[in-house]
C-alpha atoms as a PDB file:
ATOM      1  CA  MET A   1      61.165  60.904 -50.271  1.00  0.00           C
ATOM      2  CA  THR A   2      63.573  60.343 -47.387  1.00  0.00           C
ATOM      3  CA  VAL A   3      64.554  57.048 -45.791  1.00  0.00           C
ATOM      4  CA  ALA A   4      62.728  58.070 -42.597  1.00  0.00           C
ATOM      5  CA  THR A   5      59.520  58.693 -44.549  1.00  0.00           C
ATOM      6  CA  VAL A   6      59.738  55.309 -46.258  1.00  0.00           C
ATOM      7  CA  THR A   7      60.348  53.615 -42.910  1.00  0.00           C
ATOM      8  CA  ALA A   8      57.408  55.388 -41.272  1.00  0.00           C
ATOM      9  CA  GLU A   9      55.087  54.484 -44.150  1.00  0.00           C
ATOM     10  CA  SER A  10      56.265  50.877 -44.046  1.00  0.00           C
ATOM     11  CA  THR A  11      55.601  50.709 -40.299  1.00  0.00           C
ATOM     12  CA  ARG A  12      52.115  52.164 -40.725  1.00  0.00           C
ATOM     13  CA  THR A  13      51.427  49.635 -43.477  1.00  0.00           C
ATOM     14  CA  ARG A  14      52.475  46.671 -41.337  1.00  0.00           C
ATOM     15  CA  THR A  15      50.729  47.752 -38.114  1.00  0.00           C
ATOM     16  CA  PRO A  16      47.215  46.450 -38.918  1.00  0.00           C
ATOM     17  CA  ALA A  17      48.560  42.957 -39.645  1.00  0.00           C
ATOM     18  CA  ILE A  18      50.581  42.964 -36.428  1.00  0.00           C
ATOM     19  CA  VAL A  19      47.666  44.145 -34.328  1.00  0.00           C
ATOM     20  CA  SER A  20      45.243  41.645 -35.835  1.00  0.00           C
ATOM     21  CA  ALA A  21      47.646  38.771 -35.140  1.00  0.00           C
ATOM     22  CA  GLY A  22      47.254  39.279 -31.389  1.00  0.00           C
ATOM     23  CA  ARG A  23      43.493  39.453 -31.703  1.00  0.00           C
ATOM     24  CA  TYR A  24      43.398  36.318 -33.829  1.00  0.00           C
ATOM     25  CA  ALA A  25      45.458  34.523 -31.188  1.00  0.00           C
ATOM     26  CA  GLY A  26      43.165  35.685 -28.383  1.00  0.00           C
ATOM     27  CA  ILE A  27      40.022  34.757 -30.286  1.00  0.00           C
ATOM     28  CA  GLY A  28      41.565  31.403 -31.155  1.00  0.00           C
ATOM     29  CA  GLY A  29      42.247  30.600 -27.513  1.00  0.00           C
ATOM     30  CA  LEU A  30      38.726  31.525 -26.420  1.00  0.00           C
ATOM     31  CA  VAL A  31      37.162  29.562 -29.282  1.00  0.00           C
ATOM     32  CA  PHE A  32      39.246  26.494 -28.436  1.00  0.00           C
ATOM     33  CA  ALA A  33      38.378  26.676 -24.728  1.00  0.00           C
ATOM     34  CA  ALA A  34      34.680  27.162 -25.477  1.00  0.00           C
ATOM     35  CA  ALA A  35      34.705  24.282 -27.967  1.00  0.00           C
ATOM     36  CA  LEU A  36      36.239  21.959 -25.381  1.00  0.00           C
ATOM     37  CA  VAL A  37      33.530  22.854 -22.865  1.00  0.00           C
ATOM     38  CA  VAL A  38      30.779  22.329 -25.467  1.00  0.00           C
ATOM     39  CA  GLN A  39      32.265  18.998 -26.520  1.00  0.00           C
ATOM     40  CA  ASN A  40      32.393  17.720 -22.975  1.00  0.00           C
ATOM     41  CA  ILE A  41      28.768  18.752 -22.388  1.00  0.00           C
ATOM     42  CA  ILE A  42      27.639  16.980 -25.564  1.00  0.00           C
ATOM     43  CA  ARG A  43      29.627  13.860 -24.693  1.00  0.00           C
ATOM     44  CA  ALA A  44      28.543  13.798 -21.052  1.00  0.00           C
ATOM     45  CA  LYS A  45      26.303  10.776 -21.672  1.00  0.00           C
ATOM     46  CA  GLY A  46      28.821   9.046 -23.911  1.00  0.00           C
ATOM     47  CA  PRO A  47      30.555   5.745 -23.114  1.00  0.00           C
ATOM     48  CA  GLY A  48      33.303   5.768 -20.497  1.00  0.00           C
ATOM     49  CA  LEU A  49      36.891   4.830 -21.235  1.00  0.00           C
ATOM     50  CA  ASP A  50      36.215   1.287 -19.993  1.00  0.00           C
ATOM     51  CA  ALA A  51      32.814   0.882 -21.677  1.00  0.00           C
ATOM     52  CA  SER A  52      31.855  -2.495 -23.106  1.00  0.00           C
ATOM     53  CA  PRO A  53      31.819  -2.983 -26.910  1.00  0.00           C
ATOM     54  CA  GLY A  54      28.023  -3.181 -26.870  1.00  0.00           C
ATOM     55  CA  THR A  55      27.720   0.153 -25.057  1.00  0.00           C
ATOM     56  CA  VAL A  56      30.152   1.826 -27.445  1.00  0.00           C
ATOM     57  CA  SER A  57      28.415   0.470 -30.565  1.00  0.00           C
ATOM     58  CA  SER A  58      24.989   1.437 -29.237  1.00  0.00           C
ATOM     59  CA  TYR A  59      26.091   4.994 -28.527  1.00  0.00           C
ATOM     60  CA  PHE A  60      27.536   5.640 -31.988  1.00  0.00           C
ATOM     61  CA  LEU A  61      24.592   3.926 -33.642  1.00  0.00           C
ATOM     62  CA  HIS A  62      21.770   5.656 -31.768  1.00  0.00           C
ATOM     63  CA  HIS A  63      23.282   9.020 -30.827  1.00  0.00           C
ATOM     64  CA  ARG A  64      24.349  10.282 -34.223  1.00  0.00           C
ATOM     65  CA  ALA A  65      24.092  14.005 -33.473  1.00  0.00           C
ATOM     66  CA  ALA A  66      26.087  13.718 -30.233  1.00  0.00           C
ATOM     67  CA  ALA A  67      28.780  11.836 -32.155  1.00  0.00           C
ATOM     68  CA  LEU A  68      28.840  13.957 -35.309  1.00  0.00           C
ATOM     69  CA  ILE A  69      28.834  17.459 -33.789  1.00  0.00           C
ATOM     70  CA  PRO A  70      32.125  17.086 -31.847  1.00  0.00           C
ATOM     71  CA  LEU A  71      33.761  15.444 -34.872  1.00  0.00           C
ATOM     72  CA  GLY A  72      32.693  18.351 -37.065  1.00  0.00           C
ATOM     73  CA  MET A  73      34.189  20.785 -34.554  1.00  0.00           C
ATOM     74  CA  PHE A  74      37.649  19.208 -34.701  1.00  0.00           C
ATOM     75  CA  PRO A  75      39.040  21.233 -37.683  1.00  0.00           C
ATOM     76  CA  ILE A  76      37.865  24.487 -36.092  1.00  0.00           C
ATOM     77  CA  GLU A  77      39.438  23.515 -32.779  1.00  0.00           C
ATOM     78  CA  MET A  78      42.799  22.805 -34.396  1.00  0.00           C
ATOM     79  CA  LEU A  79      42.762  26.136 -36.229  1.00  0.00           C
ATOM     80  CA  ALA A  80      41.879  27.928 -32.994  1.00  0.00           C
ATOM     81  CA  LEU A  81      44.524  26.081 -30.955  1.00  0.00           C
ATOM     82  CA  PHE A  82      47.310  26.774 -33.428  1.00  0.00           C
ATOM     83  CA  ALA A  83      46.336  30.452 -33.674  1.00  0.00           C
ATOM     84  CA  PHE A  84      46.549  30.752 -29.904  1.00  0.00           C
ATOM     85  CA  VAL A  85      49.851  28.887 -29.628  1.00  0.00           C
ATOM     86  CA  ALA A  86      51.365  30.927 -32.461  1.00  0.00           C
ATOM     87  CA  GLY A  87      50.377  34.112 -30.633  1.00  0.00           C
ATOM     88  CA  VAL A  88      52.068  33.068 -27.388  1.00  0.00           C
ATOM     89  CA  TRP A  89      55.160  31.871 -29.266  1.00  0.00           C
ATOM     90  CA  THR A  90      55.443  35.130 -31.219  1.00  0.00           C
ATOM     91  CA  ALA A  91      55.035  37.214 -28.069  1.00  0.00           C
ATOM     92  CA  ALA A  92      58.011  35.393 -26.531  1.00  0.00           C
ATOM     93  CA  SER A  93      60.514  37.627 -28.303  1.00  0.00           C
ATOM     94  CA  ARG A  94      63.465  37.185 -25.953  1.00  0.00           C
ATOM     95  CA  SER A  95      65.549  34.019 -26.175  1.00  0.00           C
ATOM     96  CA  GLU A  96      64.715  32.747 -22.675  1.00  0.00           C
ATOM     97  CA  ASN A  97      60.993  33.136 -23.393  1.00  0.00           C
ATOM     98  CA  ARG A  98      61.271  31.505 -26.790  1.00  0.00           C
ATOM     99  CA  TRP A  99      62.680  28.290 -25.271  1.00  0.00           C
ATOM    100  CA  TRP A 100      59.598  27.841 -23.074  1.00  0.00           C
ATOM    101  CA  ALA A 101      57.298  28.829 -25.926  1.00  0.00           C
ATOM    102  CA  THR A 102      58.902  26.258 -28.222  1.00  0.00           C
ATOM    103  CA  MET A 103      58.338  23.606 -25.561  1.00  0.00           C
ATOM    104  CA  GLY A 104      54.685  24.642 -25.498  1.00  0.00           C
ATOM    105  CA  VAL A 105      54.448  24.462 -29.291  1.00  0.00           C
ATOM    106  CA  LEU A 106      55.797  20.902 -29.255  1.00  0.00           C
ATOM    107  CA  GLY A 107      53.248  19.979 -26.588  1.00  0.00           C
ATOM    108  CA  ALA A 108      50.468  21.496 -28.711  1.00  0.00           C
ATOM    109  CA  ALA A 109      51.631  19.485 -31.727  1.00  0.00           C
ATOM    110  CA  ALA A 110      51.408  16.315 -29.628  1.00  0.00           C
ATOM    111  CA  ILE A 111      47.919  17.351 -28.469  1.00  0.00           C
ATOM    112  CA  ALA A 112      46.816  17.771 -32.076  1.00  0.00           C
ATOM    113  CA  SER A 113      48.270  14.394 -33.104  1.00  0.00           C
ATOM    114  CA  LEU A 114      46.710  12.394 -30.270  1.00  0.00           C
ATOM    115  CA  PHE A 115      43.437  14.308 -30.466  1.00  0.00           C
ATOM    116  CA  ALA A 116      43.366  13.547 -34.195  1.00  0.00           C
ATOM    117  CA  LEU A 117      43.837   9.828 -33.460  1.00  0.00           C
ATOM    118  CA  ASP A 118      40.903   9.931 -31.040  1.00  0.00           C
ATOM    119  CA  ASN A 119      38.764  11.632 -33.672  1.00  0.00           C
ATOM    120  CA  ILE A 120      39.809   9.186 -36.393  1.00  0.00           C
ATOM    121  CA  ILE A 121      38.668   6.288 -34.211  1.00  0.00           C
ATOM    122  CA  GLU A 122      35.360   7.994 -33.468  1.00  0.00           C
ATOM    123  CA  ILE A 123      34.853   8.735 -37.178  1.00  0.00           C
ATOM    124  CA  VAL A 124      35.297   5.032 -37.931  1.00  0.00           C
ATOM    125  CA  LEU A 125      32.931   4.039 -35.119  1.00  0.00           C
ATOM    126  CA  THR A 126      30.343   6.546 -36.347  1.00  0.00           C
ATOM    127  CA  ALA A 127      30.643   5.855 -40.063  1.00  0.00           C
ATOM    128  CA  LYS A 128      30.622   2.062 -39.681  1.00  0.00           C
ATOM    129  CA  ALA A 129      28.350   1.827 -36.640  1.00  0.00           C
ATOM    130  CA  GLU A 130      25.874  -0.611 -38.220  1.00  0.00           C
ATOM    131  CA  THR A 131      28.624  -2.943 -39.409  1.00  0.00           C
ATOM    132  CA  LEU A 132      30.657  -2.823 -36.205  1.00  0.00           C
ATOM    133  CA  VAL A 133      27.680  -3.914 -34.114  1.00  0.00           C
ATOM    134  CA  GLN A 134      28.446  -7.391 -35.441  1.00  0.00           C
ATOM    135  CA  SER A 135      32.163  -7.123 -34.559  1.00  0.00           C
ATOM    136  CA  PRO A 136      32.446  -6.487 -30.811  1.00  0.00           C
ATOM    137  CA  SER A 137      36.091  -7.573 -30.706  1.00  0.00           C
ATOM    138  CA  VAL A 138      37.012  -4.867 -33.253  1.00  0.00           C
ATOM    139  CA  VAL A 139      35.054  -2.259 -31.293  1.00  0.00           C
ATOM    140  CA  GLU A 140      36.794  -3.321 -28.098  1.00  0.00           C
ATOM    141  CA  VAL A 141      40.244  -2.828 -29.631  1.00  0.00           C
ATOM    142  CA  LEU A 142      39.309   0.484 -31.235  1.00  0.00           C
ATOM    143  CA  TRP A 143      37.916   1.822 -27.979  1.00  0.00           C
ATOM    144  CA  ALA A 144      40.978   0.668 -26.037  1.00  0.00           C
ATOM    145  CA  VAL A 145      43.223   2.548 -28.481  1.00  0.00           C
ATOM    146  CA  HIS A 146      40.928   5.557 -28.108  1.00  0.00           C
ATOM    147  CA  ALA A 147      41.295   5.443 -24.309  1.00  0.00           C
ATOM    148  CA  ALA A 148      45.072   4.994 -24.525  1.00  0.00           C
ATOM    149  CA  ALA A 149      45.432   7.997 -26.836  1.00  0.00           C
ATOM    150  CA  PHE A 150      43.277  10.031 -24.470  1.00  0.00           C
ATOM    151  CA  GLY A 151      45.517   9.117 -21.534  1.00  0.00           C
ATOM    152  CA  LEU A 152      48.698  10.045 -23.360  1.00  0.00           C
ATOM    153  CA  ASP A 153      47.074  13.268 -24.517  1.00  0.00           C
ATOM    154  CA  LEU A 154      47.004  14.341 -20.864  1.00  0.00           C
ATOM    155  CA  ALA A 155      50.816  14.300 -20.882  1.00  0.00           C
ATOM    156  CA  ALA A 156      50.859  16.379 -24.071  1.00  0.00           C
ATOM    157  CA  ILE A 157      48.558  18.945 -22.451  1.00  0.00           C
ATOM    158  CA  ALA A 158      50.890  19.030 -19.436  1.00  0.00           C
ATOM    159  CA  VAL A 159      53.898  19.788 -21.651  1.00  0.00           C
ATOM    160  CA  ALA A 160      51.969  22.503 -23.492  1.00  0.00           C
ATOM    161  CA  LEU A 161      50.729  24.008 -20.220  1.00  0.00           C
ATOM    162  CA  ILE A 162      54.218  24.140 -18.700  1.00  0.00           C
ATOM    163  CA  GLY A 163      55.864  25.675 -21.754  1.00  0.00           C
ATOM    164  CA  LEU A 164      53.132  28.113 -22.766  1.00  0.00           C
ATOM    165  CA  SER A 165      52.369  29.296 -19.225  1.00  0.00           C
ATOM    166  CA  ARG A 166      56.043  30.012 -18.568  1.00  0.00           C
ATOM    167  CA  ALA A 167      56.320  31.847 -21.896  1.00  0.00           C
ATOM    168  CA  ALA A 168      53.139  33.814 -21.194  1.00  0.00           C
ATOM    169  CA  THR A 169      54.359  34.769 -17.716  1.00  0.00           C
ATOM    170  CA  THR A 170      57.806  35.942 -18.814  1.00  0.00           C
ATOM    171  CA  SER A 171      56.212  37.810 -21.737  1.00  0.00           C
ATOM    172  CA  ALA A 172      53.814  39.593 -19.335  1.00  0.00           C
ATOM    173  CA  LEU A 173      50.772  38.004 -20.973  1.00  0.00           C
ATOM    174  CA  MET A 174      49.617  36.673 -17.620  1.00  0.00           C
ATOM    175  CA  PRO A 175      50.386  37.513 -13.965  1.00  0.00           C
ATOM    176  CA  ALA A 176      53.228  35.578 -12.360  1.00  0.00           C
ATOM    177  CA  ARG A 177      50.944  34.352  -9.562  1.00  0.00           C
ATOM    178  CA  LEU A 178      48.444  32.896 -12.013  1.00  0.00           C
ATOM    179  CA  GLY A 179      51.282  31.353 -14.000  1.00  0.00           C
ATOM    180  CA  ALA A 180      52.519  29.622 -10.850  1.00  0.00           C
ATOM    181  CA  ALA A 181      48.988  28.598  -9.866  1.00  0.00           C
ATOM    182  CA  VAL A 182      48.353  26.628 -13.076  1.00  0.00           C
ATOM    183  CA  LEU A 183      51.604  24.654 -12.891  1.00  0.00           C
ATOM    184  CA  PRO A 184      50.242  22.139 -10.341  1.00  0.00           C
ATOM    185  CA  GLY A 185      47.630  21.364 -12.975  1.00  0.00           C
ATOM    186  CA  ALA A 186      50.424  20.136 -15.236  1.00  0.00           C
ATOM    187  CA  ALA A 187      51.586  17.842 -12.423  1.00  0.00           C
ATOM    188  CA  PHE A 188      48.082  16.391 -12.116  1.00  0.00           C
ATOM    189  CA  LEU A 189      47.936  15.825 -15.874  1.00  0.00           C
ATOM    190  CA  LEU A 190      51.307  14.074 -15.903  1.00  0.00           C
ATOM    191  CA  LEU A 191      50.349  11.936 -12.931  1.00  0.00           C
ATOM    192  CA  ALA A 192      47.110  10.800 -14.566  1.00  0.00           C
ATOM    193  CA  SER A 193      48.943  10.077 -17.817  1.00  0.00           C
ATOM    194  CA  VAL A 194      51.454   7.838 -16.008  1.00  0.00           C
ATOM    195  CA  PHE A 195      48.511   5.579 -15.168  1.00  0.00           C
ATOM    196  CA  THR A 196      47.138   5.411 -18.717  1.00  0.00           C
ATOM    197  CA  VAL A 197      46.780   1.630 -18.474  1.00  0.00           C
ATOM    198  CA  ALA A 198      44.566   2.082 -15.415  1.00  0.00           C
ATOM    199  CA  LEU A 199      42.603   4.789 -17.236  1.00  0.00           C
ATOM    200  CA  THR A 200      42.016   2.441 -20.141  1.00  0.00           C
ATOM    201  CA  ASN A 201      40.626  -0.156 -17.737  1.00  0.00           C
ATOM    202  CA  GLY A 202      38.425   2.374 -15.960  1.00  0.00           C
ATOM    203  CA  GLY A 203      40.732   3.402 -13.132  1.00  0.00           C
ATOM    204  CA  PRO A 204      40.017   6.415 -10.893  1.00  0.00           C
ATOM    205  CA  TRP A 205      42.776   8.582 -12.351  1.00  0.00           C
ATOM    206  CA  LEU A 206      40.441  10.420 -14.706  1.00  0.00           C
ATOM    207  CA  GLY A 207      39.414  12.704 -11.835  1.00  0.00           C
ATOM    208  CA  VAL A 208      43.055  13.630 -11.253  1.00  0.00           C
ATOM    209  CA  GLY A 209      43.436  14.530 -14.905  1.00  0.00           C
ATOM    210  CA  LEU A 210      40.250  16.606 -14.752  1.00  0.00           C
ATOM    211  CA  VAL A 211      41.827  18.948 -12.192  1.00  0.00           C
ATOM    212  CA  GLY A 212      44.755  19.561 -14.541  1.00  0.00           C
ATOM    213  CA  PHE A 213      42.398  19.989 -17.478  1.00  0.00           C
ATOM    214  CA  LEU A 214      40.534  22.754 -15.634  1.00  0.00           C
ATOM    215  CA  CYS A 215      43.877  24.508 -15.002  1.00  0.00           C
ATOM    216  CA  TRP A 216      44.584  24.263 -18.738  1.00  0.00           C
ATOM    217  CA  LEU A 217      41.256  25.952 -19.508  1.00  0.00           C
ATOM    218  CA  VAL A 218      41.896  28.715 -16.953  1.00  0.00           C
ATOM    219  CA  PHE A 219      45.299  29.372 -18.502  1.00  0.00           C
ATOM    220  CA  MET A 220      43.912  29.529 -22.042  1.00  0.00           C
ATOM    221  CA  VAL A 221      41.078  31.898 -21.139  1.00  0.00           C
ATOM    222  CA  ALA A 222      43.285  34.238 -19.084  1.00  0.00           C
ATOM    223  CA  THR A 223      46.022  34.402 -21.713  1.00  0.00           C
ATOM    224  CA  SER A 224      43.536  34.818 -24.555  1.00  0.00           C
ATOM    225  CA  ILE A 225      41.947  37.800 -22.818  1.00  0.00           C
ATOM    226  CA  SER A 226      45.408  39.302 -22.356  1.00  0.00           C
ATOM    227  CA  LEU A 227      46.157  38.823 -26.049  1.00  0.00           C
ATOM    228  CA  LEU A 228      42.906  40.575 -26.952  1.00  0.00           C
ATOM    229  CA  ARG A 229      43.733  43.509 -24.677  1.00  0.00           C
ATOM    230  CA  THR A 230      47.275  43.858 -25.988  1.00  0.00           C
ATOM    231  CA  PRO A 231      46.917  42.740 -29.608  1.00  0.00           C
ATOM    232  CA  GLN A 232      50.233  44.186 -30.814  1.00  0.00           C
ATOM    233  CA  ILE A 233      52.614  41.227 -30.870  1.00  0.00           C
ATOM    234  CA  PRO A 234      56.299  42.291 -31.045  1.00  0.00           C
END
């Protein structure tokens, strides 16, 4: 058996794993985007960031399904997000692409951390709902921390959007025009995050962040479809 034959056989052996990696990344991105939409629909009637302790306690006490379903989705969302981010990072094979991709990975790690903090607080509010009804001051502090983490998470999404969109554009995973179009969304996210204190007190900046969040979803869906169409990651 020649060296060329061994090399060819080795390449054929590795190809399925390489191809599936791109598909996993694309599926992960679509699953994460869909999960975010579902979560926001389920939580549409949930307490606002500036809700009173009584409103917060009542929601987690009397809307168990609406509280539990999003919490149960969190592990799946993290798996899906990391699969997507790993796909974009791997596709950024050249050094200049890898820098932007690494920036996006760091932003995604911050998203996961702050999103986890939000979920931890909601788990406590759900698990101890009956007890916390008698402790409005504790609920007030927990919900304020929840709102603050949400506000800072907007900045993390902005960092991830900037880095990953630039990496996806330079790696030909998304058109340059679309890559440029989603960047203003990162600016909106950063702007809203600057006013996290106002968000925590019920300020109007949530609408600004929503515009950036929609750009984030558009980016994820478009890039995920591209990864599914070109599953072979270099």
